Amino acid sequence: MRLGINGWRACGQLTGVGRYLVNLLAEWRPEVTRAFDRVTLYTPEPVNRTALALPNEIRDVVLGPAWRMLLWENARLGPFVTDDVLFCPSFSRPFVTRARTVVATHDMVYRVRPDLFPFSVRLYSRMYEWSDRLATLVVTDSEAVKEEIVRYCRVPASKVRVTYLAPAPCFAPMAMSDAALAETRRRHVGGDVPFFLFVGKITGRRSLPLLLEAFARMKRRTTLEHRLLLVGAGTDSPALVAMSRQLNIEQAVRHAGYMPDGELNAVYNAATALVSAAVYETSSLPVMEAQAAGLPVICFRNPGMSEITGDAAEMYERAEPDALCEALVRVAESRAHRQDLATRGLISARRFSWARCARETMAVLEEAATM
């Protein structure tokens, strides 16, 4: 049997689904992929095999040109693939393909919170639901998302498999000296002061305005000297910079953009807490990474976040600035509370590994091959 993989997300900066895919690929060594005689990663442009830690046994085939994903997936990948199974790691599958397909659907935010998206995006996202219905099998990141897929996509529960994500092995506690800690803080937030951390790509559901407003209220109501570091593509957008200025917190907010994993782990180890201001989040690599690094997590309470954090997080109950502000203050003011969250978070993070996720995902692909 032959396995094909949509590798569009493995090109360029690796965020979100790209990191998910690359971590799976690194674990798909021969002892894991033995049911398939050939495994091929299809990409729109050449990839750096060394940087991706791509096993030698996985072929990479370039199908140019490097069009946008959905166009490339349907005009190049779908017509070309002759493999028995095609793994589609980013919500959609080609309209036409001869292969059995396994689609990874990571959330259903556009159905659960349609108010966060314009009509055009909601309409466009219906293709994801079509992909889930047409797929041979669907994989997702949590039981919470599985329930939503069954409900909104009208997919039988028997067709959906849960394979939990995991923090990469590089995310771990570091023994940082006082001097190293001070230097990390100065480099990233401009001074040897404590700071809160946000990591992620900017989308409506991640609600950076909510975080900025909550942080501004914390600064007005307390004497805490904390700063706020925003890491991820788009965190330096003119709108967010302007909002920081309007809230009079411009000097306390730093915008870092994309950050490689090694540097990010040091930041996790130097921060006071990771703040997930998402109003909808059923799984989160930054949350998992932070817990694996021993960093307390602050997040909005919902079934998905309770599931992946093991409830070892400071959870606020209302997606409102005051509720998040109170959570920030509770964590900032209590060293004992932070230590408790860090200890329980480390225990929670140990439940997950990419080796396990890779084995379980490969088992789903093998199952699809026999259907």
Protein backbone atom coordinates (compact mmCIF):
# COMPACT_ATOMS: atom_id res chain seq x y z
CA MET A 1 0.00 0.00 0.00
CA ARG A 2 1.03 3.59 -0.65
CA LEU A 3 0.45 6.66 1.50
CA GLY A 4 0.40 10.24 0.19
CA ILE A 5 0.55 13.34 2.38
CA ASN A 6 -0.54 16.88 1.57
CA GLY A 7 2.62 18.77 2.56
CA TRP A 8 1.57 22.31 1.64
CA ARG A 9 1.72 23.35 5.31
CA ALA A 10 5.30 22.08 5.61
CA CYS A 11 6.50 24.98 3.43
CA GLY A 12 7.45 28.37 4.84
CA GLN A 13 7.15 29.40 8.48
CA LEU A 14 5.75 26.60 10.57
CA THR A 15 2.77 27.61 12.66
CA GLY A 16 -0.34 25.74 13.75
CA VAL A 17 -1.11 22.99 11.26
CA GLY A 18 2.41 23.18 9.84
CA ARG A 19 3.91 22.32 13.21
CA TYR A 20 1.36 19.55 13.65
CA LEU A 21 2.34 17.99 10.34
CA VAL A 22 6.09 18.32 10.80
CA ASN A 23 5.97 16.73 14.25
CA LEU A 24 4.06 13.77 12.82
CA LEU A 25 6.48 13.38 9.91
CA ALA A 26 9.50 13.31 12.22
CA GLU A 27 7.98 10.35 14.09
CA TRP A 28 6.92 8.40 11.00
CA ARG A 29 9.96 6.17 10.85
CA PRO A 30 9.86 2.72 9.17
CA GLU A 31 8.73 0.89 12.31
CA VAL A 32 5.68 3.18 12.44
CA THR A 33 4.85 3.26 8.69
CA ARG A 34 5.56 -0.43 8.03
CA ALA A 35 2.01 -1.07 6.74
CA PHE A 36 2.78 1.19 3.74
CA ASP A 37 5.31 0.21 1.08
CA ARG A 38 5.78 3.83 0.07
CA VAL A 39 5.17 7.13 1.85
CA THR A 40 5.29 10.37 -0.17
CA LEU A 41 5.14 13.98 0.98
CA TYR A 42 3.75 16.18 -1.81
CA THR A 43 4.66 19.88 -1.65
CA PRO A 44 4.27 22.88 -3.97
CA GLU A 45 7.95 23.81 -3.58
CA PRO A 46 11.15 22.08 -2.36
CA VAL A 47 11.51 21.57 1.40
CA ASN A 48 14.57 21.40 3.63
CA ARG A 49 14.53 17.76 4.67
CA THR A 50 17.11 18.30 7.39
CA ALA A 51 15.23 21.21 8.95
CA LEU A 52 12.01 19.16 8.93
CA ALA A 53 13.80 16.10 10.37
CA LEU A 54 12.15 14.13 7.57
CA PRO A 55 12.92 10.38 7.80
CA ASN A 56 14.96 9.12 4.86
CA GLU A 57 12.25 6.63 3.94
CA ILE A 58 9.67 9.36 3.25
CA ARG A 59 9.96 10.61 -0.33
CA ASP A 60 9.29 14.24 -1.13
CA VAL A 61 7.77 15.12 -4.49
CA VAL A 62 7.37 18.70 -5.70
CA LEU A 63 4.18 19.54 -7.57
CA GLY A 64 4.60 23.15 -8.62
CA PRO A 65 3.65 25.89 -8.93
CA ALA A 66 3.32 27.18 -5.36
CA TRP A 67 -0.29 28.29 -5.54
CA ARG A 68 -2.55 29.00 -2.56
CA MET A 69 -3.40 25.81 -0.72
CA LEU A 70 -6.94 25.12 -1.89
CA LEU A 71 -6.12 25.84 -5.53
CA TRP A 72 -2.96 23.73 -5.37
CA GLU A 73 -4.73 20.93 -3.51
CA ASN A 74 -7.43 20.66 -6.16
CA ALA A 75 -5.59 21.58 -9.37
CA ARG A 76 -2.29 19.78 -8.68
CA LEU A 77 -2.48 17.34 -5.78
CA GLY A 78 -5.87 15.72 -6.34
CA PRO A 79 -5.42 14.88 -10.04
CA PHE A 80 -1.82 13.66 -9.54
CA VAL A 81 -2.05 11.34 -6.54
CA THR A 82 -2.39 7.62 -7.23
CA ASP A 83 -1.70 6.48 -3.66
CA ASP A 84 -4.08 4.23 -1.76
CA VAL A 85 -4.54 6.75 1.07
CA LEU A 86 -4.13 10.53 1.10
CA PHE A 87 -3.61 12.28 4.44
CA CYS A 88 -4.94 15.85 4.47
CA PRO A 89 -3.74 17.57 7.68
CA SER A 90 -5.47 20.93 7.22
CA PHE A 91 -9.29 20.65 7.24
CA SER A 92 -9.89 19.99 3.54
CA ARG A 93 -9.46 17.27 0.92
CA PRO A 94 -9.38 17.61 -2.88
CA PHE A 95 -12.74 17.70 -4.61
CA VAL A 96 -11.62 14.80 -6.78
CA THR A 97 -9.10 12.13 -5.83
CA ARG A 98 -8.77 8.41 -6.42
CA ALA A 99 -7.34 7.83 -2.95
CA ARG A 100 -9.14 7.11 0.28
CA THR A 101 -8.79 10.24 2.38
CA VAL A 102 -8.16 10.97 6.05
CA VAL A 103 -8.86 14.61 6.94
CA ALA A 104 -7.57 16.31 10.10
CA THR A 105 -10.11 18.81 11.43
CA HIS A 106 -8.70 20.78 14.33
CA ASP A 107 -11.70 22.87 15.35
CA MET A 108 -15.19 23.98 14.36
CA VAL A 109 -14.89 27.60 15.44
CA TYR A 110 -16.63 28.99 12.36
CA ARG A 111 -19.78 27.07 13.36
CA VAL A 112 -19.56 27.40 17.14
CA ARG A 113 -18.77 31.15 17.00
CA PRO A 114 -20.00 32.38 13.60
CA ASP A 115 -20.12 35.91 14.99
CA LEU A 116 -16.31 36.02 14.75
CA PHE A 117 -16.29 35.66 10.96
CA PRO A 118 -17.70 37.54 7.96
CA PHE A 119 -20.31 35.78 5.84
CA SER A 120 -17.78 35.05 3.08
CA VAL A 121 -15.56 33.06 5.46
CA ARG A 122 -18.52 31.16 6.93
CA LEU A 123 -19.67 30.24 3.43
CA TYR A 124 -16.16 29.25 2.37
CA SER A 125 -15.74 27.10 5.48
CA ARG A 126 -18.66 24.89 4.50
CA MET A 127 -16.16 23.14 2.24
CA TYR A 128 -14.49 21.84 5.41
CA GLU A 129 -17.75 20.21 6.44
CA TRP A 130 -18.06 18.69 2.98
CA SER A 131 -14.51 17.35 3.33
CA ASP A 132 -15.35 15.66 6.63
CA ARG A 133 -18.47 14.06 5.19
CA LEU A 134 -16.63 12.79 2.11
CA ALA A 135 -13.50 11.63 3.94
CA THR A 136 -12.99 7.96 4.64
CA LEU A 137 -12.07 8.85 8.23
CA VAL A 138 -11.57 12.08 10.20
CA VAL A 139 -8.97 12.74 12.90
CA THR A 140 -9.25 15.54 15.43
CA ASP A 141 -7.44 16.88 18.49
CA SER A 142 -9.92 16.39 21.35
CA GLU A 143 -13.19 14.78 22.35
CA ALA A 144 -14.69 18.27 22.49
CA VAL A 145 -14.00 18.84 18.78
CA LYS A 146 -15.21 15.35 17.92
CA GLU A 147 -18.60 16.17 19.42
CA GLU A 148 -18.76 19.37 17.36
CA ILE A 149 -17.81 17.57 14.12
CA VAL A 150 -20.55 15.03 14.69
CA ARG A 151 -23.06 17.78 15.44
CA TYR A 152 -22.26 20.35 12.78
CA CYS A 153 -20.88 18.24 9.93
CA ARG A 154 -23.42 15.42 10.31
CA VAL A 155 -20.59 12.89 10.41
CA PRO A 156 -21.16 9.60 12.29
CA ALA A 157 -19.18 9.43 15.53
CA SER A 158 -17.87 6.05 14.38
CA LYS A 159 -15.95 7.83 11.60
CA VAL A 160 -14.07 10.30 13.83
CA ARG A 161 -10.88 9.43 15.72
CA VAL A 162 -9.24 11.53 18.47
CA THR A 163 -5.44 11.80 18.34
CA TYR A 164 -4.15 14.30 20.88
CA LEU A 165 -1.51 16.84 19.92
CA ALA A 166 1.61 17.24 22.03
CA PRO A 167 4.37 19.71 22.92
CA ALA A 168 7.59 19.16 21.01
CA PRO A 169 10.40 17.61 23.11
CA CYS A 170 12.34 20.89 23.07
CA PHE A 171 9.78 22.49 25.37
CA ALA A 172 10.91 21.74 28.91
CA PRO A 173 11.91 23.49 32.14
CA MET A 174 15.32 25.19 32.01
CA ALA A 175 17.70 25.82 34.89
CA MET A 176 18.14 29.56 34.30
CA SER A 177 20.47 31.59 36.47
CA ASP A 178 19.32 34.99 37.71
CA ALA A 179 21.62 36.59 35.15
CA ALA A 180 20.24 34.49 32.28
CA LEU A 181 16.68 35.21 33.36
CA ALA A 182 17.37 38.94 33.52
CA GLU A 183 19.01 38.90 30.09
CA THR A 184 16.07 37.02 28.54
CA ARG A 185 13.65 39.54 29.99
CA ARG A 186 15.68 42.52 28.83
CA ARG A 187 16.01 41.09 25.34
CA HIS A 188 12.31 40.43 24.87
CA VAL A 189 10.44 43.00 26.96
CA GLY A 190 13.03 45.75 27.35
CA GLY A 191 13.78 45.38 31.05
CA ASP A 192 14.39 42.97 33.91
CA VAL A 193 10.72 42.86 34.86
CA PRO A 194 8.12 40.06 34.93
CA PHE A 195 5.88 39.63 31.92
CA PHE A 196 2.80 37.83 30.65
CA LEU A 197 3.06 35.99 27.35
CA PHE A 198 0.73 35.42 24.40
CA VAL A 199 1.74 32.99 21.63
CA GLY A 200 -0.28 32.38 18.50
CA LYS A 201 -1.44 33.48 15.09
CA ILE A 202 -3.83 36.42 15.22
CA THR A 203 -7.44 35.41 14.52
CA GLY A 204 -10.78 36.69 15.75
CA ARG A 205 -11.26 33.85 18.20
CA ARG A 206 -7.94 34.55 19.94
CA SER A 207 -9.28 37.97 20.94
CA LEU A 208 -6.17 40.08 21.38
CA PRO A 209 -8.34 43.16 22.03
CA LEU A 210 -9.79 41.35 25.07
CA LEU A 211 -6.29 40.62 26.35
CA LEU A 212 -5.08 44.19 25.80
CA GLU A 213 -8.11 45.64 27.58
CA ALA A 214 -7.71 43.22 30.51
CA PHE A 215 -4.00 44.01 30.76
CA ALA A 216 -4.71 47.76 30.68
CA ARG A 217 -7.21 47.37 33.53
CA MET A 218 -4.65 45.41 35.53
CA LYS A 219 -2.10 48.21 35.06
CA ARG A 220 -4.64 50.86 36.12
CA ARG A 221 -5.84 49.00 39.20
CA THR A 222 -2.57 47.65 40.58
CA THR A 223 1.09 48.57 40.98
CA LEU A 224 2.23 45.37 39.21
CA GLU A 225 5.19 46.12 36.95
CA HIS A 226 4.44 43.29 34.51
CA ARG A 227 4.74 43.77 30.77
CA LEU A 228 3.02 41.86 27.98
CA LEU A 229 4.88 40.04 25.18
CA LEU A 230 2.91 39.10 22.06
CA VAL A 231 4.56 36.37 19.98
CA GLY A 232 3.24 35.30 16.58
CA ALA A 233 2.52 36.44 13.06
CA GLY A 234 0.37 39.56 13.01
CA THR A 235 0.88 40.54 16.65
CA ASP A 236 2.49 43.78 15.47
CA SER A 237 -0.46 44.78 13.30
CA PRO A 238 -1.21 48.52 13.12
CA ALA A 239 -4.61 47.93 14.75
CA LEU A 240 -3.09 46.25 17.83
CA VAL A 241 -0.33 48.85 18.11
CA ALA A 242 -2.93 51.62 17.89
CA MET A 243 -5.11 49.94 20.52
CA SER A 244 -2.13 49.68 22.90
CA ARG A 245 -1.53 53.39 22.42
CA GLN A 246 -5.19 54.24 23.03
CA LEU A 247 -5.18 52.17 26.24
CA ASN A 248 -1.99 53.91 27.40
CA ILE A 249 -0.07 50.63 27.67
CA GLU A 250 2.09 51.07 24.59
CA GLN A 251 5.31 51.14 26.66
CA ALA A 252 4.38 47.92 28.46
CA VAL A 253 3.49 45.86 25.37
CA ARG A 254 6.09 44.21 23.12
CA HIS A 255 5.41 42.68 19.70
CA ALA A 256 7.80 39.88 18.77
CA GLY A 257 6.41 38.26 15.61
CA TYR A 258 7.40 34.70 14.71
CA MET A 259 9.87 33.00 17.08
CA PRO A 260 11.74 29.68 16.54
CA ASP A 261 11.16 26.91 19.09
CA GLY A 262 14.51 27.12 20.86
CA GLU A 263 14.11 30.82 21.59
CA LEU A 264 10.45 30.34 22.45
CA ASN A 265 11.27 27.74 25.11
CA ALA A 266 13.55 30.25 26.86
CA VAL A 267 10.70 32.79 26.80
CA TYR A 268 8.30 30.23 28.27
CA ASN A 269 10.79 29.68 31.07
CA ALA A 270 11.17 33.40 31.76
CA ALA A 271 7.51 34.46 31.71
CA THR A 272 5.05 34.76 34.59
CA ALA A 273 2.28 32.95 32.71
CA LEU A 274 1.00 32.19 29.22
CA VAL A 275 -2.31 33.92 28.56
CA SER A 276 -4.74 32.37 26.07
CA ALA A 277 -7.42 35.00 25.52
CA ALA A 278 -9.26 32.80 23.03
CA VAL A 279 -13.03 32.84 23.32
CA TYR A 280 -13.02 29.46 21.56
CA GLU A 281 -10.13 27.01 21.80
CA THR A 282 -10.50 23.25 21.91
CA SER A 283 -6.82 22.44 21.60
CA SER A 284 -3.73 24.64 21.69
CA LEU A 285 -0.10 23.86 21.03
CA PRO A 286 1.11 26.99 22.90
CA VAL A 287 -0.88 25.93 25.97
CA MET A 288 0.60 22.43 25.83
CA GLU A 289 4.10 23.82 25.24
CA ALA A 290 3.80 26.24 28.14
CA GLN A 291 2.72 23.50 30.54
CA ALA A 292 5.56 21.26 29.32
CA ALA A 293 8.00 24.12 30.05
CA GLY A 294 6.60 24.54 33.57
CA LEU A 295 4.82 27.82 32.82
CA PRO A 296 1.41 28.55 34.40
CA VAL A 297 -1.45 28.96 31.93
CA ILE A 298 -4.38 31.39 32.05
CA CYS A 299 -7.27 30.53 29.72
CA PHE A 300 -11.02 30.77 29.19
CA ARG A 301 -12.91 27.80 30.61
CA ASN A 302 -14.47 25.52 27.99
CA PRO A 303 -14.61 21.73 27.52
CA GLY A 304 -11.61 21.58 25.17
CA MET A 305 -9.27 23.57 27.40
CA SER A 306 -10.32 21.61 30.49
CA GLU A 307 -9.58 18.45 28.53
CA ILE A 308 -6.08 19.33 27.33
CA THR A 309 -4.89 21.17 30.46
CA GLY A 310 -6.24 18.59 32.88
CA ASP A 311 -7.87 21.59 34.61
CA ALA A 312 -4.33 22.55 35.72
CA ALA A 313 -4.79 26.16 34.62
CA GLU A 314 -6.15 29.44 35.92
CA MET A 315 -9.47 29.53 34.08
CA TYR A 316 -11.69 32.58 33.88
CA GLU A 317 -15.41 31.99 33.43
CA ARG A 318 -16.53 34.97 31.31
CA ALA A 319 -14.94 36.25 28.11
CA GLU A 320 -14.84 39.77 29.51
CA PRO A 321 -11.94 42.12 30.37
CA ASP A 322 -12.74 42.22 34.09
CA ALA A 323 -12.76 38.42 34.39
CA LEU A 324 -9.44 38.10 32.59
CA CYS A 325 -7.98 41.02 34.55
CA GLU A 326 -8.85 39.26 37.81
CA ALA A 327 -7.14 36.09 36.58
CA LEU A 328 -3.99 38.03 35.66
CA VAL A 329 -3.85 39.60 39.12
CA ARG A 330 -4.43 36.29 40.93
CA VAL A 331 -1.54 34.66 39.11
CA ALA A 332 0.80 37.65 39.29
CA GLU A 333 0.33 38.22 43.02
CA SER A 334 0.71 34.66 44.31
CA ARG A 335 3.98 32.77 43.92
CA ALA A 336 2.40 29.74 45.62
CA HIS A 337 -0.47 29.73 43.11
CA ARG A 338 1.96 29.96 40.20
CA GLN A 339 4.02 27.08 41.58
CA ASP A 340 0.90 24.95 42.00
CA LEU A 341 -0.21 25.64 38.43
CA ALA A 342 3.29 24.92 37.10
CA THR A 343 3.57 21.61 38.98
CA ARG A 344 0.14 20.36 37.95
CA GLY A 345 0.69 21.61 34.41
CA LEU A 346 3.88 19.57 34.06
CA ILE A 347 1.99 16.46 35.15
CA SER A 348 -0.77 17.19 32.63
CA ALA A 349 1.72 17.74 29.79
CA ARG A 350 3.28 14.32 30.35
CA ARG A 351 0.06 12.70 29.13
CA PHE A 352 0.88 13.71 25.58
CA SER A 353 3.69 12.92 23.13
CA TRP A 354 4.21 13.24 19.39
CA ALA A 355 5.36 9.62 19.28
CA ARG A 356 1.95 8.56 20.57
CA CYS A 357 0.09 10.97 18.29
CA ALA A 358 2.08 9.71 15.29
CA ARG A 359 1.40 6.05 16.08
CA GLU A 360 -2.31 6.65 16.61
CA THR A 361 -2.63 8.77 13.46
CA MET A 362 -0.81 6.13 11.43
CA ALA A 363 -3.22 3.51 12.80
CA VAL A 364 -6.10 5.61 11.45
CA LEU A 365 -4.40 5.80 8.04
CA GLU A 366 -3.92 2.04 8.02
CA GLU A 367 -7.57 1.56 8.93
CA ALA A 368 -8.65 3.83 6.08
CA ALA A 369 -6.56 1.79 3.65
CA THR A 370 -8.61 -1.30 4.40
CA MET A 371 -12.06 0.33 4.13
